[in-house]
C-alpha cells in the first residue's frame, strides 16, 4: 500500500512539474512575443520622430533663408508655403524674431497637417561665417502628435565640402494621440548638398549624420548613430536612404531606409540576423 501511495505521489509530482514547465514555457513565449512587438513599435515610433524633426528643420531653414535673403526686415512669405501659414516678424538692427503660425484648425504643408506656432530668432551679422538660430514650439502639433521643446541650430556658411551646414542640438518630446510618448536628445548635422541658392526649396537635398537618444515614457531608451548618411529630400516625408545603428538594453540592429525610393518603408535587421519591414505612419 505504501508503495502504491509513493508511486501515486511521484506521478502527481511529475504531472504538476510538467504542468508548471509547460505553463512557464507558454508564459515565456508570450512575453517574448510581447517584447518583440514592443521593440518594433518603438523602432517605428522613433522613425516617426525623425520625420517630425525633418519637417520642422525644413520649415525653419526655409523661412530663415528667405528672410535673410531679403535683408529688409519685412515679412517674406516663402512662395511654396500655403496661404494658411501666417508669418510675422519683429525686426531690430541686429536681431530678428519670426513667428510661423499654422493656426488652430490645421494647415496642410507638404503632406503634414500642422497646428500651432514655431518661433525662431537670431542675431544678424552678414560678415559672420557661423550663425546661431534658436526656435521654440508653442501649442504645436504635427499629424495630431503634440511636439514640445526647443532647439539650437548652428549654421556654417561653408563646410569642408563647400556646402552650407546646419548642426542641430535636439531636445524634443513627441506625444501620440494614443498616449505613447518619446523624448529625444542629441545632435544632428545637416549638410545641404543640392538645391542651395536655386530659390526653389522643394528641390533641396540634405545629408544627415549624428547621434541621439530616444527615451520612451516606459523607461526604454534607444541610442542611435548614423552609419551611412541619411538622405533627406524635401519632397519626401521620410529619409530615402542611409543606415542607423540602433541599440537598446535587450536588442540592437540596423535601421535601413532603402536605396532612394520616396516611400514610407524601412528595414530593421536585428543583431541575430532577423529582418523585418517597417511601415512608417
C-alpha atoms as a PDB file:
ATOM      1  CA  UNK A   1       0.000   0.000   0.000  1.00  0.00           C
ATOM      2  CA  UNK A   2       2.806   2.385   0.921  1.00  0.00           C
ATOM      3  CA  UNK A   3       4.493   1.527  -2.371  1.00  0.00           C
ATOM      4  CA  UNK A   4       1.306   2.378  -4.286  1.00  0.00           C
ATOM      5  CA  UNK A   5       0.910   5.660  -2.387  1.00  0.00           C
ATOM      6  CA  UNK A   6       4.510   6.547  -3.015  1.00  0.00           C
ATOM      7  CA  UNK A   7       4.083   5.801  -6.727  1.00  0.00           C
ATOM      8  CA  UNK A   8       0.916   7.941  -6.923  1.00  0.00           C
ATOM      9  CA  UNK A   9       2.648  10.816  -5.139  1.00  0.00           C
ATOM     10  CA  UNK A  10       5.586  10.585  -7.524  1.00  0.00           C
ATOM     11  CA  UNK A  11       3.263  10.572 -10.554  1.00  0.00           C
ATOM     12  CA  UNK A  12       1.313  13.539  -9.202  1.00  0.00           C
ATOM     13  CA  UNK A  13       4.509  15.456  -8.534  1.00  0.00           C
ATOM     14  CA  UNK A  14       5.751  14.718 -12.065  1.00  0.00           C
ATOM     15  CA  UNK A  15       2.423  15.811 -13.541  1.00  0.00           C
ATOM     16  CA  UNK A  16       2.468  19.018 -11.518  1.00  0.00           C
ATOM     17  CA  UNK A  17       6.064  19.725 -12.514  1.00  0.00           C
ATOM     18  CA  UNK A  18       5.247  19.133 -16.191  1.00  0.00           C
ATOM     19  CA  UNK A  19       2.256  21.472 -15.968  1.00  0.00           C
ATOM     20  CA  UNK A  20       4.393  24.177 -14.389  1.00  0.00           C
ATOM     21  CA  UNK A  21       7.117  23.753 -17.040  1.00  0.00           C
ATOM     22  CA  UNK A  22       4.593  23.952 -19.899  1.00  0.00           C
ATOM     23  CA  UNK A  23       2.906  26.939 -18.269  1.00  0.00           C
ATOM     24  CA  UNK A  24       6.226  28.733 -17.797  1.00  0.00           C
ATOM     25  CA  UNK A  25       7.223  27.900 -21.369  1.00  0.00           C
ATOM     26  CA  UNK A  26       3.988  29.378 -22.702  1.00  0.00           C
ATOM     27  CA  UNK A  27       4.366  32.435 -20.468  1.00  0.00           C
ATOM     28  CA  UNK A  28       7.928  32.940 -21.716  1.00  0.00           C
ATOM     29  CA  UNK A  29       6.804  32.622 -25.333  1.00  0.00           C
ATOM     30  CA  UNK A  30       4.015  35.138 -24.735  1.00  0.00           C
ATOM     31  CA  UNK A  31       6.442  37.535 -23.039  1.00  0.00           C
ATOM     32  CA  UNK A  32       8.919  37.197 -25.900  1.00  0.00           C
ATOM     33  CA  UNK A  33       6.194  37.971 -28.469  1.00  0.00           C
ATOM     34  CA  UNK A  34       5.015  40.958 -26.451  1.00  0.00           C
ATOM     35  CA  UNK A  35       8.594  42.237 -26.081  1.00  0.00           C
ATOM     36  CA  UNK A  36       9.200  41.772 -29.813  1.00  0.00           C
ATOM     37  CA  UNK A  37       6.043  43.699 -30.686  1.00  0.00           C
ATOM     38  CA  UNK A  38       7.064  46.470 -28.286  1.00  0.00           C
ATOM     39  CA  UNK A  39      10.542  46.630 -29.867  1.00  0.00           C
ATOM     40  CA  UNK A  40       9.022  47.035 -33.343  1.00  0.00           C
ATOM     41  CA  UNK A  41       6.536  49.658 -32.119  1.00  0.00           C
ATOM     42  CA  UNK A  42       9.329  51.703 -30.567  1.00  0.00           C
ATOM     43  CA  UNK A  43      11.522  51.475 -33.681  1.00  0.00           C
ATOM     44  CA  UNK A  44       8.613  52.678 -35.824  1.00  0.00           C
ATOM     45  CA  UNK A  45       7.816  55.467 -33.360  1.00  0.00           C
ATOM     46  CA  UNK A  46      11.423  56.653 -33.335  1.00  0.00           C
ATOM     47  CA  UNK A  47      11.456  56.767 -37.140  1.00  0.00           C
ATOM     48  CA  UNK A  48       8.286  58.885 -36.982  1.00  0.00           C
ATOM     49  CA  UNK A  49      10.132  61.287 -34.665  1.00  0.00           C
ATOM     50  CA  UNK A  50      12.794  61.503 -37.399  1.00  0.00           C
ATOM     51  CA  UNK A  51      10.088  62.591 -39.871  1.00  0.00           C
ATOM     52  CA  UNK A  52       8.759  65.196 -37.430  1.00  0.00           C
ATOM     53  CA  UNK A  53      12.248  66.584 -36.891  1.00  0.00           C
ATOM     54  CA  UNK A  54      12.802  66.670 -40.649  1.00  0.00           C
ATOM     55  CA  UNK A  55       9.603  68.628 -41.280  1.00  0.00           C
ATOM     56  CA  UNK A  56      10.476  71.113 -38.527  1.00  0.00           C
ATOM     57  CA  UNK A  57      14.027  71.578 -39.794  1.00  0.00           C
ATOM     58  CA  UNK A  58      12.793  72.138 -43.354  1.00  0.00           C
ATOM     59  CA  UNK A  59      10.388  74.870 -42.263  1.00  0.00           C
ATOM     60  CA  UNK A  60      12.885  76.671 -40.026  1.00  0.00           C
ATOM     61  CA  UNK A  61      15.620  76.621 -42.673  1.00  0.00           C
ATOM     62  CA  UNK A  62      13.229  77.693 -45.454  1.00  0.00           C
ATOM     63  CA  UNK A  63      11.796  80.650 -43.538  1.00  0.00           C
ATOM     64  CA  UNK A  64      15.206  81.687 -42.193  1.00  0.00           C
ATOM     65  CA  UNK A  65      16.873  81.585 -45.620  1.00  0.00           C
ATOM     66  CA  UNK A  66      14.060  83.571 -47.276  1.00  0.00           C
ATOM     67  CA  UNK A  67      14.063  86.180 -44.527  1.00  0.00           C
ATOM     68  CA  UNK A  68      17.838  86.596 -44.551  1.00  0.00           C
ATOM     69  CA  UNK A  69      17.905  86.894 -48.338  1.00  0.00           C
ATOM     70  CA  UNK A  70      15.546  89.876 -48.226  1.00  0.00           C
ATOM     71  CA  UNK A  71      17.710  91.869 -45.751  1.00  0.00           C
ATOM     72  CA  UNK A  72      14.815  94.351 -45.397  1.00  0.00           C
ATOM     73  CA  UNK A  73      13.340  93.383 -42.051  1.00  0.00           C
ATOM     74  CA  UNK A  74       9.955  92.984 -43.702  1.00  0.00           C
ATOM     75  CA  UNK A  75       7.932  89.781 -43.773  1.00  0.00           C
ATOM     76  CA  UNK A  76       8.906  87.457 -46.603  1.00  0.00           C
ATOM     77  CA  UNK A  77       6.396  84.681 -47.285  1.00  0.00           C
ATOM     78  CA  UNK A  78       8.176  81.664 -48.810  1.00  0.00           C
ATOM     79  CA  UNK A  79       6.404  81.103 -52.133  1.00  0.00           C
ATOM     80  CA  UNK A  80       5.917  77.361 -51.617  1.00  0.00           C
ATOM     81  CA  UNK A  81       4.083  77.635 -48.300  1.00  0.00           C
ATOM     82  CA  UNK A  82       0.253  77.670 -48.428  1.00  0.00           C
ATOM     83  CA  UNK A  83      -1.877  80.697 -47.516  1.00  0.00           C
ATOM     84  CA  UNK A  84      -2.898  79.073 -44.207  1.00  0.00           C
ATOM     85  CA  UNK A  85       0.625  79.799 -42.911  1.00  0.00           C
ATOM     86  CA  UNK A  86       0.992  83.274 -41.392  1.00  0.00           C
ATOM     87  CA  UNK A  87       4.440  84.766 -40.818  1.00  0.00           C
ATOM     88  CA  UNK A  88       5.133  87.771 -38.598  1.00  0.00           C
ATOM     89  CA  UNK A  89       8.437  89.417 -37.724  1.00  0.00           C
ATOM     90  CA  UNK A  90       9.993  91.594 -35.073  1.00  0.00           C
ATOM     91  CA  UNK A  91      12.970  93.310 -36.700  1.00  0.00           C
ATOM     92  CA  UNK A  92      15.636  95.298 -34.925  1.00  0.00           C
ATOM     93  CA  UNK A  93      19.004  96.439 -36.234  1.00  0.00           C
ATOM     94  CA  UNK A  94      20.864  93.220 -35.479  1.00  0.00           C
ATOM     95  CA  UNK A  95      18.061  90.934 -34.354  1.00  0.00           C
ATOM     96  CA  UNK A  96      15.178  89.023 -35.903  1.00  0.00           C
ATOM     97  CA  UNK A  97      12.294  87.127 -34.285  1.00  0.00           C
ATOM     98  CA  UNK A  98       9.975  85.349 -36.698  1.00  0.00           C
ATOM     99  CA  UNK A  99       6.746  83.553 -35.808  1.00  0.00           C
ATOM    100  CA  UNK A 100       5.404  80.890 -38.170  1.00  0.00           C
ATOM    101  CA  UNK A 101       1.725  80.388 -37.328  1.00  0.00           C
ATOM    102  CA  UNK A 102      -0.207  77.395 -38.712  1.00  0.00           C
ATOM    103  CA  UNK A 103      -3.430  78.280 -36.892  1.00  0.00           C
ATOM    104  CA  UNK A 104      -5.556  76.105 -34.633  1.00  0.00           C
ATOM    105  CA  UNK A 105      -7.658  74.423 -37.332  1.00  0.00           C
ATOM    106  CA  UNK A 106      -4.910  72.542 -39.150  1.00  0.00           C
ATOM    107  CA  UNK A 107      -2.796  73.576 -42.133  1.00  0.00           C
ATOM    108  CA  UNK A 108      -1.513  71.072 -44.713  1.00  0.00           C
ATOM    109  CA  UNK A 109       2.148  71.608 -45.567  1.00  0.00           C
ATOM    110  CA  UNK A 110       3.932  69.072 -47.800  1.00  0.00           C
ATOM    111  CA  UNK A 111       1.745  66.185 -46.689  1.00  0.00           C
ATOM    112  CA  UNK A 112       1.724  67.041 -42.955  1.00  0.00           C
ATOM    113  CA  UNK A 113      -1.130  68.614 -41.012  1.00  0.00           C
ATOM    114  CA  UNK A 114       0.372  71.301 -38.775  1.00  0.00           C
ATOM    115  CA  UNK A 115      -1.138  73.358 -35.958  1.00  0.00           C
ATOM    116  CA  UNK A 116       0.366  75.894 -33.565  1.00  0.00           C
ATOM    117  CA  UNK A 117       3.442  78.099 -33.846  1.00  0.00           C
ATOM    118  CA  UNK A 118       7.192  77.913 -34.429  1.00  0.00           C
ATOM    119  CA  UNK A 119       9.060  80.942 -33.053  1.00  0.00           C
ATOM    120  CA  UNK A 120      12.615  81.392 -34.289  1.00  0.00           C
ATOM    121  CA  UNK A 121      15.165  84.110 -33.560  1.00  0.00           C
ATOM    122  CA  UNK A 122      18.731  85.012 -34.416  1.00  0.00           C
ATOM    123  CA  UNK A 123      21.269  87.819 -34.276  1.00  0.00           C
ATOM    124  CA  UNK A 124      22.194  89.179 -37.680  1.00  0.00           C
ATOM    125  CA  UNK A 125      25.822  89.511 -38.704  1.00  0.00           C
ATOM    126  CA  UNK A 126      26.267  89.428 -42.501  1.00  0.00           C
ATOM    127  CA  UNK A 127      30.043  89.056 -42.136  1.00  0.00           C
ATOM    128  CA  UNK A 128      29.972  86.061 -39.791  1.00  0.00           C
ATOM    129  CA  UNK A 129      30.772  82.630 -41.195  1.00  0.00           C
ATOM    130  CA  UNK A 130      28.700  80.982 -38.450  1.00  0.00           C
ATOM    131  CA  UNK A 131      25.274  81.977 -37.145  1.00  0.00           C
ATOM    132  CA  UNK A 132      23.168  80.642 -34.284  1.00  0.00           C
ATOM    133  CA  UNK A 133      19.414  80.196 -34.768  1.00  0.00           C
ATOM    134  CA  UNK A 134      17.102  79.170 -31.930  1.00  0.00           C
ATOM    135  CA  UNK A 135      13.464  78.154 -32.091  1.00  0.00           C
ATOM    136  CA  UNK A 136      10.746  77.035 -29.721  1.00  0.00           C
ATOM    137  CA  UNK A 137       7.328  75.488 -30.234  1.00  0.00           C
ATOM    138  CA  UNK A 138       4.029  76.844 -28.959  1.00  0.00           C
ATOM    139  CA  UNK A 139       0.942  74.570 -28.835  1.00  0.00           C
ATOM    140  CA  UNK A 140       2.453  72.747 -31.794  1.00  0.00           C
ATOM    141  CA  UNK A 141       1.043  69.583 -33.392  1.00  0.00           C
ATOM    142  CA  UNK A 142       2.095  67.655 -36.469  1.00  0.00           C
ATOM    143  CA  UNK A 143      -0.236  64.934 -37.795  1.00  0.00           C
ATOM    144  CA  UNK A 144      -2.143  65.001 -34.462  1.00  0.00           C
ATOM    145  CA  UNK A 145       1.069  64.386 -32.467  1.00  0.00           C
ATOM    146  CA  UNK A 146       1.934  67.003 -29.853  1.00  0.00           C
ATOM    147  CA  UNK A 147       5.519  68.252 -30.143  1.00  0.00           C
ATOM    148  CA  UNK A 148       7.158  70.037 -27.204  1.00  0.00           C
ATOM    149  CA  UNK A 149      10.621  71.528 -26.979  1.00  0.00           C
ATOM    150  CA  UNK A 150      13.229  73.887 -28.334  1.00  0.00           C
ATOM    151  CA  UNK A 151      16.363  73.667 -30.422  1.00  0.00           C
ATOM    152  CA  UNK A 152      19.555  75.473 -31.276  1.00  0.00           C
ATOM    153  CA  UNK A 153      20.940  75.437 -34.796  1.00  0.00           C
ATOM    154  CA  UNK A 154      24.481  76.437 -35.735  1.00  0.00           C
ATOM    155  CA  UNK A 155      24.676  77.395 -39.404  1.00  0.00           C
ATOM    156  CA  UNK A 156      28.035  77.290 -41.184  1.00  0.00           C
ATOM    157  CA  UNK A 157      28.019  79.173 -44.462  1.00  0.00           C
ATOM    158  CA  UNK A 158      30.511  76.705 -45.927  1.00  0.00           C
ATOM    159  CA  UNK A 159      31.785  73.400 -44.551  1.00  0.00           C
ATOM    160  CA  UNK A 160      34.851  71.433 -45.684  1.00  0.00           C
ATOM    161  CA  UNK A 161      32.942  70.365 -48.820  1.00  0.00           C
ATOM    162  CA  UNK A 162      31.995  73.957 -49.638  1.00  0.00           C
ATOM    163  CA  UNK A 163      28.343  73.366 -48.700  1.00  0.00           C
ATOM    164  CA  UNK A 164      26.136  75.126 -46.140  1.00  0.00           C
ATOM    165  CA  UNK A 165      25.763  73.031 -42.999  1.00  0.00           C
ATOM    166  CA  UNK A 166      23.370  73.108 -40.026  1.00  0.00           C
ATOM    167  CA  UNK A 167      24.223  71.487 -36.689  1.00  0.00           C
ATOM    168  CA  UNK A 168      21.058  70.901 -34.662  1.00  0.00           C
ATOM    169  CA  UNK A 169      21.079  70.431 -30.890  1.00  0.00           C
ATOM    170  CA  UNK A 170      17.975  68.328 -30.263  1.00  0.00           C
ATOM    171  CA  UNK A 171      15.642  68.480 -27.258  1.00  0.00           C
ATOM    172  CA  UNK A 172      12.119  67.383 -28.191  1.00  0.00           C
ATOM    173  CA  UNK A 173       9.222  65.373 -26.786  1.00  0.00           C
ATOM    174  CA  UNK A 174       6.550  63.822 -29.013  1.00  0.00           C
ATOM    175  CA  UNK A 175       3.187  62.615 -27.665  1.00  0.00           C
ATOM    176  CA  UNK A 176       0.960  60.417 -29.828  1.00  0.00           C
ATOM    177  CA  UNK A 177      -2.872  60.526 -29.572  1.00  0.00           C
ATOM    178  CA  UNK A 178      -2.837  57.011 -28.023  1.00  0.00           C
ATOM    179  CA  UNK A 179      -0.596  58.179 -25.159  1.00  0.00           C
ATOM    180  CA  UNK A 180       2.738  56.870 -26.473  1.00  0.00           C
ATOM    181  CA  UNK A 181       5.454  59.372 -25.620  1.00  0.00           C
ATOM    182  CA  UNK A 182       9.092  59.705 -26.672  1.00  0.00           C
ATOM    183  CA  UNK A 183      11.750  62.269 -25.773  1.00  0.00           C
ATOM    184  CA  UNK A 184      14.862  62.853 -27.830  1.00  0.00           C
ATOM    185  CA  UNK A 185      18.222  64.478 -27.130  1.00  0.00           C
ATOM    186  CA  UNK A 186      21.318  64.582 -29.291  1.00  0.00           C
ATOM    187  CA  UNK A 187      22.979  66.186 -32.276  1.00  0.00           C
ATOM    188  CA  UNK A 188      22.089  66.113 -35.963  1.00  0.00           C
ATOM    189  CA  UNK A 189      24.267  67.566 -38.697  1.00  0.00           C
ATOM    190  CA  UNK A 190      22.558  68.566 -41.957  1.00  0.00           C
ATOM    191  CA  UNK A 191      24.751  69.189 -44.987  1.00  0.00           C
ATOM    192  CA  UNK A 192      22.952  70.981 -47.823  1.00  0.00           C
ATOM    193  CA  UNK A 193      24.179  69.014 -50.843  1.00  0.00           C
ATOM    194  CA  UNK A 194      21.684  70.001 -53.581  1.00  0.00           C
ATOM    195  CA  UNK A 195      19.440  72.952 -54.413  1.00  0.00           C
ATOM    196  CA  UNK A 196      21.164  75.672 -52.398  1.00  0.00           C
ATOM    197  CA  UNK A 197      20.587  79.101 -53.923  1.00  0.00           C
ATOM    198  CA  UNK A 198      18.042  77.895 -56.503  1.00  0.00           C
ATOM    199  CA  UNK A 199      15.187  79.827 -54.912  1.00  0.00           C
ATOM    200  CA  UNK A 200      13.029  76.679 -55.037  1.00  0.00           C
ATOM    201  CA  UNK A 201      13.018  74.897 -51.687  1.00  0.00           C
ATOM    202  CA  UNK A 202      11.350  71.723 -52.981  1.00  0.00           C
ATOM    203  CA  UNK A 203      14.464  70.722 -54.968  1.00  0.00           C
ATOM    204  CA  UNK A 204      16.678  70.746 -51.888  1.00  0.00           C
ATOM    205  CA  UNK A 205      18.508  67.661 -50.656  1.00  0.00           C
ATOM    206  CA  UNK A 206      20.346  67.251 -47.348  1.00  0.00           C
ATOM    207  CA  UNK A 207      22.612  64.559 -45.923  1.00  0.00           C
ATOM    208  CA  UNK A 208      22.122  63.937 -42.211  1.00  0.00           C
ATOM    209  CA  UNK A 209      24.624  62.469 -39.752  1.00  0.00           C
ATOM    210  CA  UNK A 210      24.960  62.482 -35.969  1.00  0.00           C
ATOM    211  CA  UNK A 211      23.853  60.582 -32.880  1.00  0.00           C
ATOM    212  CA  UNK A 212      20.946  60.848 -30.462  1.00  0.00           C
ATOM    213  CA  UNK A 213      18.994  59.087 -27.739  1.00  0.00           C
ATOM    214  CA  UNK A 214      15.256  58.410 -27.689  1.00  0.00           C
ATOM    215  CA  UNK A 215      13.625  57.643 -24.329  1.00  0.00           C
ATOM    216  CA  UNK A 216      10.080  56.313 -24.103  1.00  0.00           C
ATOM    217  CA  UNK A 217       7.655  57.000 -21.273  1.00  0.00           C
ATOM    218  CA  UNK A 218       8.015  53.371 -20.070  1.00  0.00           C
ATOM    219  CA  UNK A 219      11.724  53.980 -19.447  1.00  0.00           C
ATOM    220  CA  UNK A 220      13.071  52.159 -22.525  1.00  0.00           C
ATOM    221  CA  UNK A 221      15.988  54.022 -24.078  1.00  0.00           C
ATOM    222  CA  UNK A 222      17.311  53.669 -27.627  1.00  0.00           C
ATOM    223  CA  UNK A 223      20.654  55.070 -28.785  1.00  0.00           C
ATOM    224  CA  UNK A 224      21.176  55.899 -32.457  1.00  0.00           C
ATOM    225  CA  UNK A 225      24.279  56.570 -34.513  1.00  0.00           C
ATOM    226  CA  UNK A 226      24.226  57.268 -38.246  1.00  0.00           C
ATOM    227  CA  UNK A 227      26.442  54.783 -40.075  1.00  0.00           C
ATOM    228  CA  UNK A 228      25.735  55.859 -43.664  1.00  0.00           C
ATOM    229  CA  UNK A 229      24.479  59.439 -44.184  1.00  0.00           C
ATOM    230  CA  UNK A 230      20.691  59.731 -44.272  1.00  0.00           C
ATOM    231  CA  UNK A 231      19.451  61.337 -47.468  1.00  0.00           C
ATOM    232  CA  UNK A 232      16.704  63.886 -46.813  1.00  0.00           C
ATOM    233  CA  UNK A 233      14.846  65.026 -49.951  1.00  0.00           C
ATOM    234  CA  UNK A 234      12.416  67.808 -49.076  1.00  0.00           C
ATOM    235  CA  UNK A 235       9.715  66.429 -51.401  1.00  0.00           C
ATOM    236  CA  UNK A 236       9.691  63.134 -49.432  1.00  0.00           C
ATOM    237  CA  UNK A 237       8.251  62.647 -45.957  1.00  0.00           C
ATOM    238  CA  UNK A 238      10.888  60.168 -44.776  1.00  0.00           C
ATOM    239  CA  UNK A 239      14.584  59.563 -45.413  1.00  0.00           C
ATOM    240  CA  UNK A 240      15.067  57.831 -48.761  1.00  0.00           C
ATOM    241  CA  UNK A 241      18.367  56.098 -47.964  1.00  0.00           C
ATOM    242  CA  UNK A 242      21.041  55.683 -45.300  1.00  0.00           C
ATOM    243  CA  UNK A 243      21.516  53.451 -42.250  1.00  0.00           C
ATOM    244  CA  UNK A 244      21.410  53.939 -38.491  1.00  0.00           C
ATOM    245  CA  UNK A 245      22.848  51.715 -35.758  1.00  0.00           C
ATOM    246  CA  UNK A 246      20.225  51.202 -33.014  1.00  0.00           C
ATOM    247  CA  UNK A 247      20.996  49.813 -29.561  1.00  0.00           C
ATOM    248  CA  UNK A 248      18.781  49.088 -26.560  1.00  0.00           C
ATOM    249  CA  UNK A 249      19.311  47.009 -23.408  1.00  0.00           C
ATOM    250  CA  UNK A 250      17.878  43.763 -24.795  1.00  0.00           C
ATOM    251  CA  UNK A 251      18.333  44.148 -28.542  1.00  0.00           C
ATOM    252  CA  UNK A 252      20.164  46.013 -31.265  1.00  0.00           C
ATOM    253  CA  UNK A 253      20.410  46.203 -35.014  1.00  0.00           C
ATOM    254  CA  UNK A 254      20.481  48.367 -38.123  1.00  0.00           C
ATOM    255  CA  UNK A 255      17.690  50.555 -39.471  1.00  0.00           C
ATOM    256  CA  UNK A 256      17.958  50.885 -43.263  1.00  0.00           C
ATOM    257  CA  UNK A 257      15.907  53.466 -45.164  1.00  0.00           C
ATOM    258  CA  UNK A 258      16.448  51.863 -48.562  1.00  0.00           C
ATOM    259  CA  UNK A 259      18.001  52.623 -51.912  1.00  0.00           C
ATOM    260  CA  UNK A 260      16.487  56.027 -52.691  1.00  0.00           C
ATOM    261  CA  UNK A 261      12.749  55.378 -53.126  1.00  0.00           C
ATOM    262  CA  UNK A 262      10.426  58.105 -51.860  1.00  0.00           C
ATOM    263  CA  UNK A 263       8.210  55.861 -49.717  1.00  0.00           C
ATOM    264  CA  UNK A 264       7.291  55.045 -46.119  1.00  0.00           C
ATOM    265  CA  UNK A 265       9.219  51.767 -45.936  1.00  0.00           C
ATOM    266  CA  UNK A 266      12.323  50.882 -43.960  1.00  0.00           C
ATOM    267  CA  UNK A 267      14.031  47.647 -42.927  1.00  0.00           C
ATOM    268  CA  UNK A 268      15.306  46.717 -39.478  1.00  0.00           C
ATOM    269  CA  UNK A 269      17.878  43.928 -39.162  1.00  0.00           C
ATOM    270  CA  UNK A 270      18.393  42.617 -35.624  1.00  0.00           C
ATOM    271  CA  UNK A 271      21.897  41.661 -34.493  1.00  0.00           C
ATOM    272  CA  UNK A 272      20.896  37.988 -34.736  1.00  0.00           C
ATOM    273  CA  UNK A 273      20.168  38.417 -38.468  1.00  0.00           C
ATOM    274  CA  UNK A 274      16.366  38.513 -38.272  1.00  0.00           C
ATOM    275  CA  UNK A 275      14.954  41.131 -40.628  1.00  0.00           C
ATOM    276  CA  UNK A 276      11.601  42.918 -40.553  1.00  0.00           C
ATOM    277  CA  UNK A 277       9.985  45.541 -42.769  1.00  0.00           C
ATOM    278  CA  UNK A 278       8.741  48.677 -41.059  1.00  0.00           C
ATOM    279  CA  UNK A 279       5.893  50.852 -42.329  1.00  0.00           C
ATOM    280  CA  UNK A 280       6.077  54.456 -41.131  1.00  0.00           C
ATOM    281  CA  UNK A 281       2.929  56.494 -40.424  1.00  0.00           C
END
